[in-house]
Amino acid sequence: MDQGSEFEAVFLDPVGQAVQQRWADAAMTVAFEDLPPVSAFPVVPGRRWGPGLWWSATTGRHVAAGSNAMRAQLMVLDRDPDVTGLAGRPVRLLWRNTRGQVRSWVPQLFARRADGTALLADCPSHPEAGGERAVKAAQAVAQACAHIGWTYQRLAPLDEAAAANLKWLAGYRHPRNAGRLGLMPAVLQAFTRPRPLLEGAVAAGDPVEVLPVVFHALWHGHLTACLDTPLHERVLVGPWDGEVPNRTGSAG
């Protein structure tokens, strides 16, 4: 299993029929971001959060999510300006191990980048999740991705504060929170220099009307704030500085 050409891809075509083809060919021709899950997310009895759908501000469509950890990573990728498409479990990879045994793995997330490359990712709730099988699969999938110029990652869980902040801002990601005509420019003008959240909101108008617009701007990167600590009325909010937000949401 030292050649990327030995990998196969299984996915569902637009009418729901399973297709299997050479991985390198599928990666170059298939829009995985437009496909449904190749297999359903498992339902684990007793788990507080089960499979669901995430509405993506990037695509305007729903993405299947199988766990709370995966939903958190969807929030991160949905804010990334370099991501143009998202899908949950759209492809299964097949390969043979050194003993000739067929192995398979379905990465949880697919993210298309603006340059046409893609990220395949899993979203473990803790570093040891999935055990040895997941570790071996990660090595194989990483090799398959590297062969075609893509990347694979086991995304580290977000810390509690960052996850809570992103969840809050995500509630304002929909375009309806951009405000009435002329309000967004006023909000951006109010934060041309970093200032406390509530102070800037008051400067732009009625906070009841303005705060949803500020949160919308923070979600979409038009404004920035440190999201590593809980949001509060005195958190400093400032203009976007041209840098891509990091994985915890602050710029730089």
Protein backbone atom coordinates (compact mmCIF):
# COMPACT_ATOMS: atom_id res chain seq x y z
CA MET A 1 0.00 0.00 0.00
CA ASP A 2 2.71 2.43 -0.93
CA GLN A 3 1.11 3.82 -4.08
CA GLY A 4 -1.82 6.20 -4.10
CA SER A 5 -3.14 4.46 -7.22
CA GLU A 6 -4.12 1.48 -5.06
CA PHE A 7 -6.94 3.41 -3.37
CA GLU A 8 -10.53 3.19 -4.56
CA ALA A 9 -13.42 5.57 -3.84
CA VAL A 10 -17.05 4.67 -3.24
CA PHE A 11 -19.71 7.38 -3.38
CA LEU A 12 -23.34 7.94 -4.36
CA ASP A 13 -24.12 9.45 -7.72
CA PRO A 14 -26.81 12.17 -8.09
CA VAL A 15 -29.57 9.53 -8.30
CA GLY A 16 -28.34 7.65 -5.22
CA GLN A 17 -26.56 4.75 -6.91
CA ALA A 18 -23.26 3.56 -5.43
CA VAL A 19 -20.25 4.10 -7.68
CA GLN A 20 -16.76 2.69 -7.18
CA GLN A 21 -13.79 3.97 -9.11
CA ARG A 22 -10.10 4.70 -8.84
CA TRP A 23 -9.53 7.28 -6.11
CA ALA A 24 -7.24 9.52 -8.15
CA ASP A 25 -9.82 9.68 -10.95
CA ALA A 26 -12.75 10.34 -8.62
CA ALA A 27 -10.89 13.09 -6.77
CA MET A 28 -10.29 14.97 -10.01
CA THR A 29 -13.81 14.64 -11.46
CA VAL A 30 -16.36 14.25 -8.64
CA ALA A 31 -17.87 17.23 -6.80
CA PHE A 32 -17.96 15.52 -3.41
CA GLU A 33 -19.23 18.72 -1.82
CA ASP A 34 -22.53 18.19 -3.67
CA LEU A 35 -23.04 14.56 -2.64
CA PRO A 36 -25.05 13.04 0.22
CA PRO A 37 -23.43 10.81 2.85
CA VAL A 38 -22.22 7.52 1.36
CA SER A 39 -23.42 5.88 4.58
CA ALA A 40 -25.51 7.11 7.47
CA PHE A 41 -23.95 8.46 10.62
CA PRO A 42 -24.27 5.91 13.42
CA VAL A 43 -26.77 6.48 16.20
CA VAL A 44 -25.21 5.66 19.57
CA PRO A 45 -27.74 4.82 22.32
CA GLY A 46 -27.38 7.06 25.36
CA ARG A 47 -25.44 9.78 23.58
CA ARG A 48 -26.88 13.24 24.25
CA TRP A 49 -26.27 14.53 20.71
CA GLY A 50 -27.05 12.44 17.63
CA PRO A 51 -26.91 12.95 13.87
CA GLY A 52 -28.42 16.14 12.52
CA LEU A 53 -28.07 18.86 9.91
CA TRP A 54 -25.96 22.01 9.90
CA TRP A 55 -27.09 24.94 7.74
CA SER A 56 -23.96 26.26 6.04
CA ALA A 57 -23.57 29.99 5.53
CA THR A 58 -20.90 29.16 2.94
CA THR A 59 -23.13 27.11 0.66
CA GLY A 60 -26.68 27.98 1.76
CA ARG A 61 -27.38 24.26 2.11
CA HIS A 62 -27.54 21.70 4.90
CA VAL A 63 -24.56 19.48 5.78
CA ALA A 64 -25.04 16.19 7.59
CA ALA A 65 -23.32 16.11 10.98
CA GLY A 66 -22.89 13.05 13.14
CA SER A 67 -21.72 14.39 16.48
CA ASN A 68 -21.32 17.50 18.58
CA ALA A 69 -17.56 17.44 17.89
CA MET A 70 -18.24 17.37 14.15
CA ARG A 71 -20.71 20.23 14.39
CA ALA A 72 -18.05 22.32 16.16
CA GLN A 73 -15.59 21.67 13.33
CA LEU A 74 -18.27 22.54 10.77
CA MET A 75 -18.62 25.90 12.50
CA VAL A 76 -14.89 26.52 12.11
CA LEU A 77 -14.82 25.53 8.44
CA ASP A 78 -18.03 27.42 7.67
CA ARG A 79 -16.27 30.64 8.79
CA ASP A 80 -13.11 29.97 6.79
CA PRO A 81 -13.08 32.25 3.70
CA ASP A 82 -10.93 29.70 1.87
CA VAL A 83 -13.65 27.03 2.10
CA THR A 84 -16.16 27.00 -0.78
CA GLY A 85 -17.98 23.69 -0.20
CA LEU A 86 -18.80 21.31 2.64
CA ALA A 87 -20.20 17.79 2.91
CA GLY A 88 -20.57 15.10 5.55
CA ARG A 89 -19.26 11.58 4.81
CA PRO A 90 -19.51 11.86 1.00
CA VAL A 91 -16.87 9.22 0.17
CA ARG A 92 -15.59 5.87 1.40
CA LEU A 93 -11.96 4.97 0.69
CA LEU A 94 -10.91 1.36 0.07
CA TRP A 95 -7.40 -0.11 0.09
CA ARG A 96 -5.49 -3.28 0.93
CA ASN A 97 -3.15 -3.53 3.88
CA THR A 98 0.28 -5.18 3.75
CA ARG A 99 -1.37 -8.61 4.16
CA GLY A 100 -3.71 -8.04 1.24
CA GLN A 101 -6.79 -7.50 3.38
CA VAL A 102 -9.35 -4.96 2.16
CA ARG A 103 -9.78 -2.03 4.53
CA SER A 104 -12.11 0.95 4.31
CA TRP A 105 -12.77 4.27 6.02
CA VAL A 106 -15.33 7.05 5.65
CA PRO A 107 -13.90 10.44 6.73
CA GLN A 108 -16.50 12.53 8.51
CA LEU A 109 -15.93 15.82 6.71
CA PHE A 110 -15.13 17.05 3.23
CA ALA A 111 -14.21 20.69 2.64
CA ARG A 112 -13.48 22.11 -0.81
CA ARG A 113 -10.96 24.93 -0.94
CA ALA A 114 -10.98 27.91 -3.26
CA ASP A 115 -8.01 26.56 -5.22
CA GLY A 116 -9.89 23.32 -6.01
CA THR A 117 -8.02 21.13 -3.53
CA ALA A 118 -9.82 19.64 -0.56
CA LEU A 119 -9.59 18.60 3.06
CA LEU A 120 -10.82 15.25 4.34
CA ALA A 121 -11.16 15.23 8.10
CA ASP A 122 -12.36 13.33 11.11
CA CYS A 123 -13.62 15.03 14.25
CA PRO A 124 -12.76 12.89 17.29
CA SER A 125 -14.18 14.00 20.60
CA HIS A 126 -10.83 13.19 22.22
CA PRO A 127 -7.38 12.30 20.80
CA GLU A 128 -7.72 8.54 21.42
CA ALA A 129 -11.21 8.23 19.89
CA GLY A 130 -11.55 5.30 17.50
CA GLY A 131 -8.57 3.42 18.86
CA GLU A 132 -5.94 1.66 16.75
CA ARG A 133 -8.26 1.20 13.77
CA ALA A 134 -8.79 4.95 13.51
CA VAL A 135 -5.05 5.60 13.76
CA LYS A 136 -4.25 3.14 10.96
CA ALA A 137 -7.06 4.49 8.83
CA ALA A 138 -5.82 8.04 9.36
CA GLN A 139 -2.40 7.05 8.07
CA ALA A 140 -3.90 5.44 4.98
CA VAL A 141 -6.30 8.29 4.19
CA ALA A 142 -3.52 10.85 4.70
CA GLN A 143 -1.44 8.94 2.16
CA ALA A 144 -4.33 8.81 -0.31
CA CYS A 145 -4.86 12.56 0.03
CA ALA A 146 -1.18 13.43 -0.25
CA HIS A 147 -0.98 11.45 -3.50
CA ILE A 148 -3.43 13.86 -5.18
CA GLY A 149 -2.41 17.09 -3.43
CA TRP A 150 -5.18 17.10 -0.82
CA THR A 151 -4.89 16.94 2.96
CA TYR A 152 -6.34 14.80 5.71
CA GLN A 153 -6.55 15.77 9.39
CA ARG A 154 -7.89 14.47 12.66
CA LEU A 155 -9.12 17.83 13.90
CA ALA A 156 -8.41 18.53 17.56
CA PRO A 157 -11.50 19.34 19.65
CA LEU A 158 -12.11 23.02 20.34
CA ASP A 159 -11.69 24.26 23.87
CA GLU A 160 -14.87 25.04 25.76
CA ALA A 161 -14.76 28.82 25.42
CA ALA A 162 -14.03 28.83 21.69
CA ALA A 163 -16.78 26.28 21.02
CA ALA A 164 -19.32 28.26 23.05
CA ASN A 165 -18.41 31.53 21.32
CA LEU A 166 -18.66 30.01 17.86
CA LYS A 167 -22.01 28.44 18.74
CA TRP A 168 -23.27 31.86 19.85
CA LEU A 169 -22.06 33.65 16.72
CA ALA A 170 -23.38 30.85 14.52
CA GLY A 171 -26.86 31.79 15.66
CA TYR A 172 -26.40 35.03 13.69
CA ARG A 173 -24.80 33.59 10.55
CA HIS A 174 -27.94 33.79 8.39
CA PRO A 175 -28.19 36.78 5.99
CA ARG A 176 -31.36 37.97 7.79
CA ASN A 177 -29.08 39.20 10.59
CA ALA A 178 -27.21 41.60 8.29
CA GLY A 179 -29.75 44.28 9.32
CA ARG A 180 -31.67 46.89 7.45
CA LEU A 181 -30.15 48.85 4.59
CA GLY A 182 -27.33 51.05 5.81
CA LEU A 183 -26.93 49.48 9.24
CA MET A 184 -23.98 47.22 8.44
CA PRO A 185 -21.85 50.15 7.16
CA ALA A 186 -22.70 52.04 10.34
CA VAL A 187 -21.63 49.08 12.46
CA LEU A 188 -18.33 48.71 10.61
CA GLN A 189 -17.72 52.44 10.95
CA ALA A 190 -18.33 52.22 14.71
CA PHE A 191 -15.51 49.67 15.00
CA THR A 192 -12.91 51.25 12.74
CA ARG A 193 -10.71 51.11 15.84
CA PRO A 194 -10.94 48.37 18.50
CA ARG A 195 -13.44 49.24 21.22
CA PRO A 196 -15.65 47.38 23.71
CA LEU A 197 -18.52 45.48 22.11
CA LEU A 198 -21.37 47.31 23.81
CA GLU A 199 -19.76 50.73 23.43
CA GLY A 200 -19.48 50.28 19.68
CA ALA A 201 -23.01 48.94 19.42
CA VAL A 202 -24.39 51.99 21.22
CA ALA A 203 -22.40 54.27 18.90
CA ALA A 204 -24.07 52.63 15.88
CA GLY A 205 -27.64 52.87 17.21
CA ASP A 206 -30.08 50.96 19.38
CA PRO A 207 -28.16 47.96 20.80
CA VAL A 208 -31.24 45.75 20.47
CA GLU A 209 -31.12 46.28 16.71
CA VAL A 210 -27.35 46.63 16.35
CA LEU A 211 -25.98 43.68 18.35
CA PRO A 212 -27.30 40.98 15.96
CA VAL A 213 -25.57 42.85 13.13
CA VAL A 214 -22.31 42.97 15.11
CA PHE A 215 -22.51 39.23 15.77
CA HIS A 216 -23.25 38.62 12.08
CA ALA A 217 -20.19 40.67 11.14
CA LEU A 218 -18.06 38.76 13.65
CA TRP A 219 -19.20 35.43 12.23
CA HIS A 220 -18.40 36.44 8.66
CA GLY A 221 -15.05 38.03 9.52
CA HIS A 222 -16.02 41.61 8.73
CA LEU A 223 -15.09 42.37 12.36
CA THR A 224 -12.72 40.51 14.66
CA ALA A 225 -12.53 39.72 18.36
CA CYS A 226 -10.61 37.23 20.47
CA LEU A 227 -12.80 34.15 20.86
CA ASP A 228 -10.46 32.26 23.18
CA THR A 229 -12.29 33.63 26.24
CA PRO A 230 -16.05 34.01 26.77
CA LEU A 231 -17.67 36.87 24.89
CA HIS A 232 -18.93 39.72 27.08
CA GLU A 233 -20.02 43.32 26.67
CA ARG A 234 -16.48 44.66 27.22
CA VAL A 235 -14.68 42.35 24.78
CA LEU A 236 -12.66 44.37 22.27
CA VAL A 237 -14.08 44.29 18.76
CA GLY A 238 -12.16 45.76 15.85
CA PRO A 239 -11.96 45.89 12.07
CA TRP A 240 -10.93 42.93 9.96
CA ASP A 241 -7.19 43.20 9.41
CA GLY A 242 -6.96 41.07 6.27
CA GLU A 243 -5.73 37.95 8.04
CA VAL A 244 -7.60 34.65 7.93
CA PRO A 245 -9.13 33.90 11.35
CA ASN A 246 -7.37 31.09 13.17
CA ARG A 247 -9.15 27.94 14.34
CA THR A 248 -10.30 29.50 17.60
CA GLY A 249 -11.75 32.47 15.77
CA SER A 250 -9.39 35.36 16.51
CA ALA A 251 -7.26 36.87 13.79
CA GLY A 252 -3.55 36.29 13.65
